[in-house]
């Protein structure tokens, strides 16, 4: 995986399956565009789930080990480009990013509330 200025470029294998080292040079890159807010919120979330909690909650959710490894790879790719976490006002930047995402999406996640 490689980073562009505002995109995560995902390398897909040429055979649709596992990516062999020889596939990397020839594989098409598929960009995933994330806003700065989404990137910051995801780095924070995945950092807590994978690093701080050692993936325990992910295992408790019944995720397949391959899904946890895939999330870990995505987290590592995100983390490589994230410099906000080193800023002294990280907590306020994270709060603002969360607020912006809620505003953009019309409020809280709707499917967790009782109907």
N, C-alpha and C. Protein backbone atom coordinates (compact mmCIF):
# COMPACT_ATOMS: atom_id res chain seq x y z
N UNK A 1 0.84 -1.18 0.00
CA UNK A 1 0.00 0.00 0.00
C UNK A 1 0.88 1.23 0.00
N UNK A 2 0.43 2.24 -0.66
CA UNK A 2 1.18 3.47 -0.77
C UNK A 2 0.25 4.64 -0.48
N UNK A 3 0.82 5.75 -0.07
CA UNK A 3 0.02 6.94 0.21
C UNK A 3 0.24 7.99 -0.85
N UNK A 4 -0.86 8.60 -1.26
CA UNK A 4 -0.80 9.82 -2.06
C UNK A 4 -0.99 10.97 -1.09
N UNK A 5 -1.18 12.17 -1.60
CA UNK A 5 -1.37 13.32 -0.73
C UNK A 5 -2.61 13.18 0.14
N UNK A 6 -3.72 12.73 -0.45
CA UNK A 6 -4.95 12.59 0.32
C UNK A 6 -5.61 11.25 0.06
N UNK A 7 -4.86 10.29 -0.44
CA UNK A 7 -5.44 9.01 -0.78
C UNK A 7 -4.57 7.87 -0.30
N UNK A 8 -5.23 6.80 0.08
CA UNK A 8 -4.56 5.54 0.35
C UNK A 8 -4.65 4.76 -0.95
N UNK A 9 -3.54 4.37 -1.50
CA UNK A 9 -3.56 3.61 -2.74
C UNK A 9 -3.42 2.14 -2.41
N UNK A 10 -4.45 1.38 -2.70
CA UNK A 10 -4.49 -0.04 -2.38
C UNK A 10 -4.04 -0.82 -3.59
N UNK A 11 -3.11 -1.72 -3.38
CA UNK A 11 -2.61 -2.54 -4.47
C UNK A 11 -3.40 -3.84 -4.49
N UNK A 12 -4.01 -4.15 -5.63
CA UNK A 12 -4.77 -5.38 -5.79
C UNK A 12 -3.94 -6.38 -6.59
N UNK A 13 -4.12 -7.66 -6.29
CA UNK A 13 -3.35 -8.66 -7.01
C UNK A 13 -3.89 -8.84 -8.42
N UNK A 14 -3.03 -9.28 -9.30
CA UNK A 14 -3.45 -9.48 -10.69
C UNK A 14 -4.33 -10.71 -10.84
N UNK A 15 -4.27 -11.64 -9.89
CA UNK A 15 -5.07 -12.85 -10.00
C UNK A 15 -6.31 -12.81 -9.11
N UNK A 16 -6.57 -11.70 -8.44
CA UNK A 16 -7.74 -11.58 -7.59
C UNK A 16 -7.60 -12.27 -6.25
N UNK A 17 -6.47 -12.87 -5.96
CA UNK A 17 -6.26 -13.57 -4.70
C UNK A 17 -5.15 -12.94 -3.90
N UNK A 18 -4.25 -13.76 -3.41
CA UNK A 18 -3.14 -13.25 -2.62
C UNK A 18 -2.21 -12.41 -3.47
N UNK A 19 -1.58 -11.46 -2.84
CA UNK A 19 -0.63 -10.61 -3.54
C UNK A 19 0.76 -11.18 -3.30
N UNK A 20 1.34 -11.71 -4.34
CA UNK A 20 2.72 -12.19 -4.26
C UNK A 20 3.64 -11.00 -4.44
N UNK A 21 4.86 -11.11 -3.93
CA UNK A 21 5.80 -10.00 -4.06
C UNK A 21 5.98 -9.62 -5.53
N UNK A 22 5.92 -10.60 -6.41
CA UNK A 22 6.11 -10.29 -7.83
C UNK A 22 4.92 -9.53 -8.40
N UNK A 23 3.75 -9.61 -7.75
CA UNK A 23 2.55 -8.89 -8.22
C UNK A 23 2.61 -7.40 -7.94
N UNK A 24 3.32 -6.98 -6.90
CA UNK A 24 3.27 -5.61 -6.44
C UNK A 24 3.65 -4.62 -7.54
N UNK A 25 4.69 -4.90 -8.28
CA UNK A 25 5.12 -3.98 -9.32
C UNK A 25 4.15 -3.86 -10.47
N UNK A 26 3.35 -4.89 -10.71
CA UNK A 26 2.46 -4.92 -11.85
C UNK A 26 1.00 -4.65 -11.47
N UNK A 27 0.69 -4.69 -10.22
CA UNK A 27 -0.71 -4.61 -9.79
C UNK A 27 -1.25 -3.18 -9.92
N UNK A 28 -2.52 -3.06 -10.30
CA UNK A 28 -3.11 -1.72 -10.38
C UNK A 28 -3.32 -1.17 -8.97
N UNK A 29 -3.21 0.13 -8.84
CA UNK A 29 -3.46 0.76 -7.55
C UNK A 29 -4.87 1.33 -7.57
N UNK A 30 -5.59 1.15 -6.48
CA UNK A 30 -6.94 1.64 -6.38
C UNK A 30 -7.02 2.61 -5.21
N UNK A 31 -7.27 3.87 -5.50
CA UNK A 31 -7.28 4.86 -4.42
C UNK A 31 -8.52 4.76 -3.54
N UNK A 32 -8.31 4.96 -2.27
CA UNK A 32 -9.39 5.12 -1.30
C UNK A 32 -9.22 6.52 -0.76
N UNK A 33 -10.18 7.38 -1.03
CA UNK A 33 -10.07 8.77 -0.60
C UNK A 33 -10.74 8.92 0.76
N UNK A 34 -9.99 9.46 1.71
CA UNK A 34 -10.51 9.74 3.05
C UNK A 34 -10.29 11.20 3.36
N UNK A 35 -11.26 11.80 4.00
CA UNK A 35 -11.06 13.17 4.47
C UNK A 35 -10.04 13.14 5.61
N UNK A 36 -9.47 14.29 5.91
CA UNK A 36 -8.55 14.37 7.04
C UNK A 36 -9.25 13.99 8.33
N UNK A 37 -10.52 14.39 8.46
CA UNK A 37 -11.29 14.05 9.66
C UNK A 37 -11.47 12.55 9.79
N UNK A 38 -11.87 11.89 8.70
CA UNK A 38 -12.07 10.44 8.74
C UNK A 38 -10.76 9.72 9.04
N UNK A 39 -9.68 10.18 8.43
CA UNK A 39 -8.37 9.57 8.67
C UNK A 39 -7.99 9.67 10.14
N UNK A 40 -8.15 10.85 10.73
CA UNK A 40 -7.80 11.04 12.13
C UNK A 40 -8.65 10.16 13.05
N UNK A 41 -9.95 10.13 12.80
CA UNK A 41 -10.85 9.33 13.64
C UNK A 41 -10.53 7.84 13.50
N UNK A 42 -10.25 7.39 12.29
CA UNK A 42 -9.92 5.97 12.10
C UNK A 42 -8.59 5.60 12.73
N UNK A 43 -7.60 6.47 12.62
CA UNK A 43 -6.31 6.18 13.27
C UNK A 43 -6.49 6.05 14.78
N UNK A 44 -7.28 6.95 15.35
CA UNK A 44 -7.52 6.90 16.78
C UNK A 44 -8.28 5.63 17.18
N UNK A 45 -9.34 5.32 16.46
CA UNK A 45 -10.15 4.12 16.75
C UNK A 45 -9.32 2.85 16.62
N UNK A 46 -8.68 2.68 15.48
CA UNK A 46 -7.91 1.46 15.25
C UNK A 46 -6.72 1.36 16.19
N UNK A 47 -6.13 2.50 16.53
CA UNK A 47 -5.04 2.49 17.51
C UNK A 47 -5.49 1.96 18.86
N UNK A 48 -6.68 2.41 19.28
CA UNK A 48 -7.21 1.90 20.55
C UNK A 48 -7.53 0.41 20.48
N UNK A 49 -8.18 0.00 19.40
CA UNK A 49 -8.59 -1.40 19.28
C UNK A 49 -7.42 -2.35 19.07
N UNK A 50 -6.45 -1.93 18.28
CA UNK A 50 -5.36 -2.83 17.91
C UNK A 50 -4.16 -2.70 18.85
N UNK A 51 -3.75 -1.49 19.15
CA UNK A 51 -2.56 -1.33 19.99
C UNK A 51 -2.90 -1.37 21.48
N UNK A 52 -3.80 -0.47 21.90
CA UNK A 52 -4.09 -0.36 23.33
C UNK A 52 -4.76 -1.61 23.89
N UNK A 53 -5.70 -2.17 23.13
CA UNK A 53 -6.46 -3.34 23.61
C UNK A 53 -5.95 -4.65 23.03
N UNK A 54 -4.87 -4.59 22.25
CA UNK A 54 -4.25 -5.78 21.64
C UNK A 54 -5.24 -6.60 20.81
N UNK A 55 -6.26 -5.95 20.27
CA UNK A 55 -7.23 -6.62 19.41
C UNK A 55 -8.25 -7.47 20.14
N UNK A 56 -8.26 -7.42 21.46
CA UNK A 56 -9.16 -8.29 22.24
C UNK A 56 -10.63 -8.08 21.89
N UNK A 57 -11.05 -6.82 21.77
CA UNK A 57 -12.45 -6.56 21.43
C UNK A 57 -12.80 -7.05 20.04
N UNK A 58 -11.84 -6.98 19.13
CA UNK A 58 -12.07 -7.47 17.77
C UNK A 58 -12.26 -8.98 17.78
N UNK A 59 -11.47 -9.68 18.59
CA UNK A 59 -11.62 -11.12 18.74
C UNK A 59 -12.97 -11.42 19.39
N UNK A 60 -13.33 -10.65 20.42
CA UNK A 60 -14.61 -10.85 21.11
C UNK A 60 -15.81 -10.65 20.18
N UNK A 61 -15.65 -9.80 19.15
CA UNK A 61 -16.73 -9.60 18.18
C UNK A 61 -16.89 -10.80 17.25
N UNK A 62 -15.95 -11.72 17.31
CA UNK A 62 -16.02 -12.90 16.46
C UNK A 62 -15.42 -12.69 15.08
N UNK A 63 -14.59 -11.67 14.94
CA UNK A 63 -13.96 -11.43 13.65
C UNK A 63 -12.99 -12.56 13.33
N UNK A 64 -12.92 -12.89 12.07
CA UNK A 64 -11.96 -13.87 11.59
C UNK A 64 -10.56 -13.27 11.76
N UNK A 65 -9.58 -14.11 12.05
CA UNK A 65 -8.21 -13.61 12.22
C UNK A 65 -7.73 -12.84 10.99
N UNK A 66 -8.12 -13.27 9.82
CA UNK A 66 -7.73 -12.57 8.59
C UNK A 66 -8.32 -11.16 8.56
N UNK A 67 -9.53 -10.98 9.08
CA UNK A 67 -10.14 -9.65 9.13
C UNK A 67 -9.39 -8.74 10.08
N UNK A 68 -8.93 -9.29 11.19
CA UNK A 68 -8.15 -8.51 12.15
C UNK A 68 -6.81 -8.11 11.53
N UNK A 69 -6.17 -9.04 10.84
CA UNK A 69 -4.91 -8.72 10.17
C UNK A 69 -5.12 -7.66 9.09
N UNK A 70 -6.24 -7.74 8.37
CA UNK A 70 -6.53 -6.74 7.34
C UNK A 70 -6.73 -5.37 7.97
N UNK A 71 -7.46 -5.31 9.09
CA UNK A 71 -7.62 -4.04 9.80
C UNK A 71 -6.28 -3.51 10.29
N UNK A 72 -5.43 -4.41 10.77
CA UNK A 72 -4.11 -4.01 11.22
C UNK A 72 -3.29 -3.41 10.07
N UNK A 73 -3.35 -4.02 8.90
CA UNK A 73 -2.64 -3.49 7.73
C UNK A 73 -3.16 -2.11 7.36
N UNK A 74 -4.48 -1.96 7.38
CA UNK A 74 -5.09 -0.67 7.07
C UNK A 74 -4.66 0.37 8.10
N UNK A 75 -4.68 -0.01 9.37
CA UNK A 75 -4.25 0.89 10.45
C UNK A 75 -2.80 1.33 10.24
N UNK A 76 -1.91 0.38 9.93
CA UNK A 76 -0.50 0.71 9.72
C UNK A 76 -0.33 1.69 8.56
N UNK A 77 -1.10 1.48 7.51
CA UNK A 77 -1.03 2.39 6.37
C UNK A 77 -1.53 3.78 6.74
N UNK A 78 -2.61 3.84 7.47
CA UNK A 78 -3.14 5.13 7.92
C UNK A 78 -2.15 5.83 8.85
N UNK A 79 -1.60 5.07 9.76
CA UNK A 79 -0.72 5.63 10.78
C UNK A 79 0.54 6.25 10.17
N UNK A 80 1.04 5.66 9.10
CA UNK A 80 2.26 6.18 8.45
C UNK A 80 2.09 7.61 7.96
N UNK A 81 0.87 7.99 7.63
CA UNK A 81 0.65 9.33 7.07
C UNK A 81 0.08 10.30 8.10
N UNK A 82 -0.19 9.85 9.29
CA UNK A 82 -0.86 10.68 10.29
C UNK A 82 0.16 11.40 11.16
N UNK A 83 0.20 12.72 11.05
CA UNK A 83 1.12 13.50 11.87
C UNK A 83 0.38 14.28 12.95
N UNK A 84 -0.94 14.31 12.88
CA UNK A 84 -1.74 15.06 13.85
C UNK A 84 -1.56 14.54 15.26
N UNK A 85 -1.34 13.22 15.40
CA UNK A 85 -1.24 12.62 16.73
C UNK A 85 -0.04 13.15 17.51
N UNK A 86 0.90 13.80 16.83
CA UNK A 86 2.07 14.36 17.51
C UNK A 86 1.86 15.80 17.95
N UNK A 87 0.72 16.37 17.61
CA UNK A 87 0.46 17.76 17.96
C UNK A 87 -0.04 17.87 19.39
N UNK A 88 0.30 18.98 20.04
CA UNK A 88 -0.09 19.17 21.44
C UNK A 88 -1.60 19.31 21.61
N UNK A 89 -2.30 19.74 20.57
CA UNK A 89 -3.76 19.91 20.65
C UNK A 89 -4.50 18.74 20.00
N UNK A 90 -3.89 17.54 20.05
CA UNK A 90 -4.46 16.34 19.43
C UNK A 90 -5.90 16.09 19.88
N UNK A 91 -6.16 16.15 21.18
CA UNK A 91 -7.50 15.84 21.69
C UNK A 91 -8.55 16.78 21.11
N UNK A 92 -8.23 18.07 21.02
CA UNK A 92 -9.21 19.00 20.46
C UNK A 92 -9.37 18.81 18.95
N UNK A 93 -8.30 18.44 18.26
CA UNK A 93 -8.40 18.13 16.83
C UNK A 93 -9.27 16.90 16.60
N UNK A 94 -9.11 15.89 17.45
CA UNK A 94 -9.91 14.67 17.35
C UNK A 94 -11.38 14.98 17.63
N UNK A 95 -11.66 15.77 18.68
CA UNK A 95 -13.04 16.16 18.98
C UNK A 95 -13.66 16.91 17.81
N UNK A 96 -12.92 17.83 17.21
CA UNK A 96 -13.42 18.59 16.06
C UNK A 96 -13.69 17.67 14.87
N UNK A 97 -12.79 16.72 14.63
CA UNK A 97 -12.97 15.78 13.52
C UNK A 97 -14.23 14.93 13.73
N UNK A 98 -14.43 14.46 14.95
CA UNK A 98 -15.63 13.67 15.26
C UNK A 98 -16.89 14.50 15.05
N UNK A 99 -16.86 15.73 15.52
CA UNK A 99 -18.00 16.64 15.36
C UNK A 99 -18.29 16.91 13.89
N UNK A 100 -17.24 17.15 13.11
CA UNK A 100 -17.41 17.40 11.68
C UNK A 100 -18.06 16.21 10.97
N UNK A 101 -17.63 15.01 11.33
CA UNK A 101 -18.19 13.80 10.72
C UNK A 101 -19.66 13.65 11.08
N UNK A 102 -20.00 13.91 12.34
CA UNK A 102 -21.42 13.84 12.75
C UNK A 102 -22.25 14.86 11.97
N UNK A 103 -21.75 16.06 11.84
CA UNK A 103 -22.47 17.11 11.11
C UNK A 103 -22.66 16.73 9.65
N UNK A 104 -21.60 16.23 9.02
CA UNK A 104 -21.68 15.83 7.61
C UNK A 104 -22.69 14.72 7.37
N UNK A 105 -22.91 13.89 8.38
CA UNK A 105 -23.79 12.73 8.23
C UNK A 105 -25.14 12.89 8.92
N UNK A 106 -25.45 14.08 9.37
CA UNK A 106 -26.76 14.34 9.95
C UNK A 106 -26.95 13.86 11.37
N UNK A 107 -25.88 13.63 12.09
CA UNK A 107 -25.98 13.26 13.50
C UNK A 107 -25.44 11.87 13.79
N UNK A 108 -25.83 11.33 14.95
CA UNK A 108 -25.32 10.03 15.40
C UNK A 108 -25.72 8.88 14.46
N UNK A 109 -24.99 7.79 14.57
CA UNK A 109 -25.28 6.57 13.82
C UNK A 109 -26.69 6.12 14.17
N UNK A 110 -27.58 5.98 13.20
CA UNK A 110 -29.00 5.75 13.48
C UNK A 110 -29.37 4.31 13.83
N UNK A 111 -28.55 3.33 13.50
CA UNK A 111 -28.98 1.95 13.65
C UNK A 111 -28.67 1.35 15.00
N UNK A 112 -28.15 2.11 15.92
CA UNK A 112 -27.89 1.55 17.25
C UNK A 112 -28.95 1.93 18.26
N UNK A 113 -29.89 2.77 17.86
CA UNK A 113 -30.95 3.19 18.78
C UNK A 113 -32.17 2.29 18.66
N UNK A 114 -32.90 2.16 19.76
CA UNK A 114 -34.17 1.42 19.72
C UNK A 114 -35.15 2.18 18.87
N UNK A 115 -35.93 1.45 18.10
CA UNK A 115 -36.91 2.10 17.24
C UNK A 115 -38.28 2.09 17.87
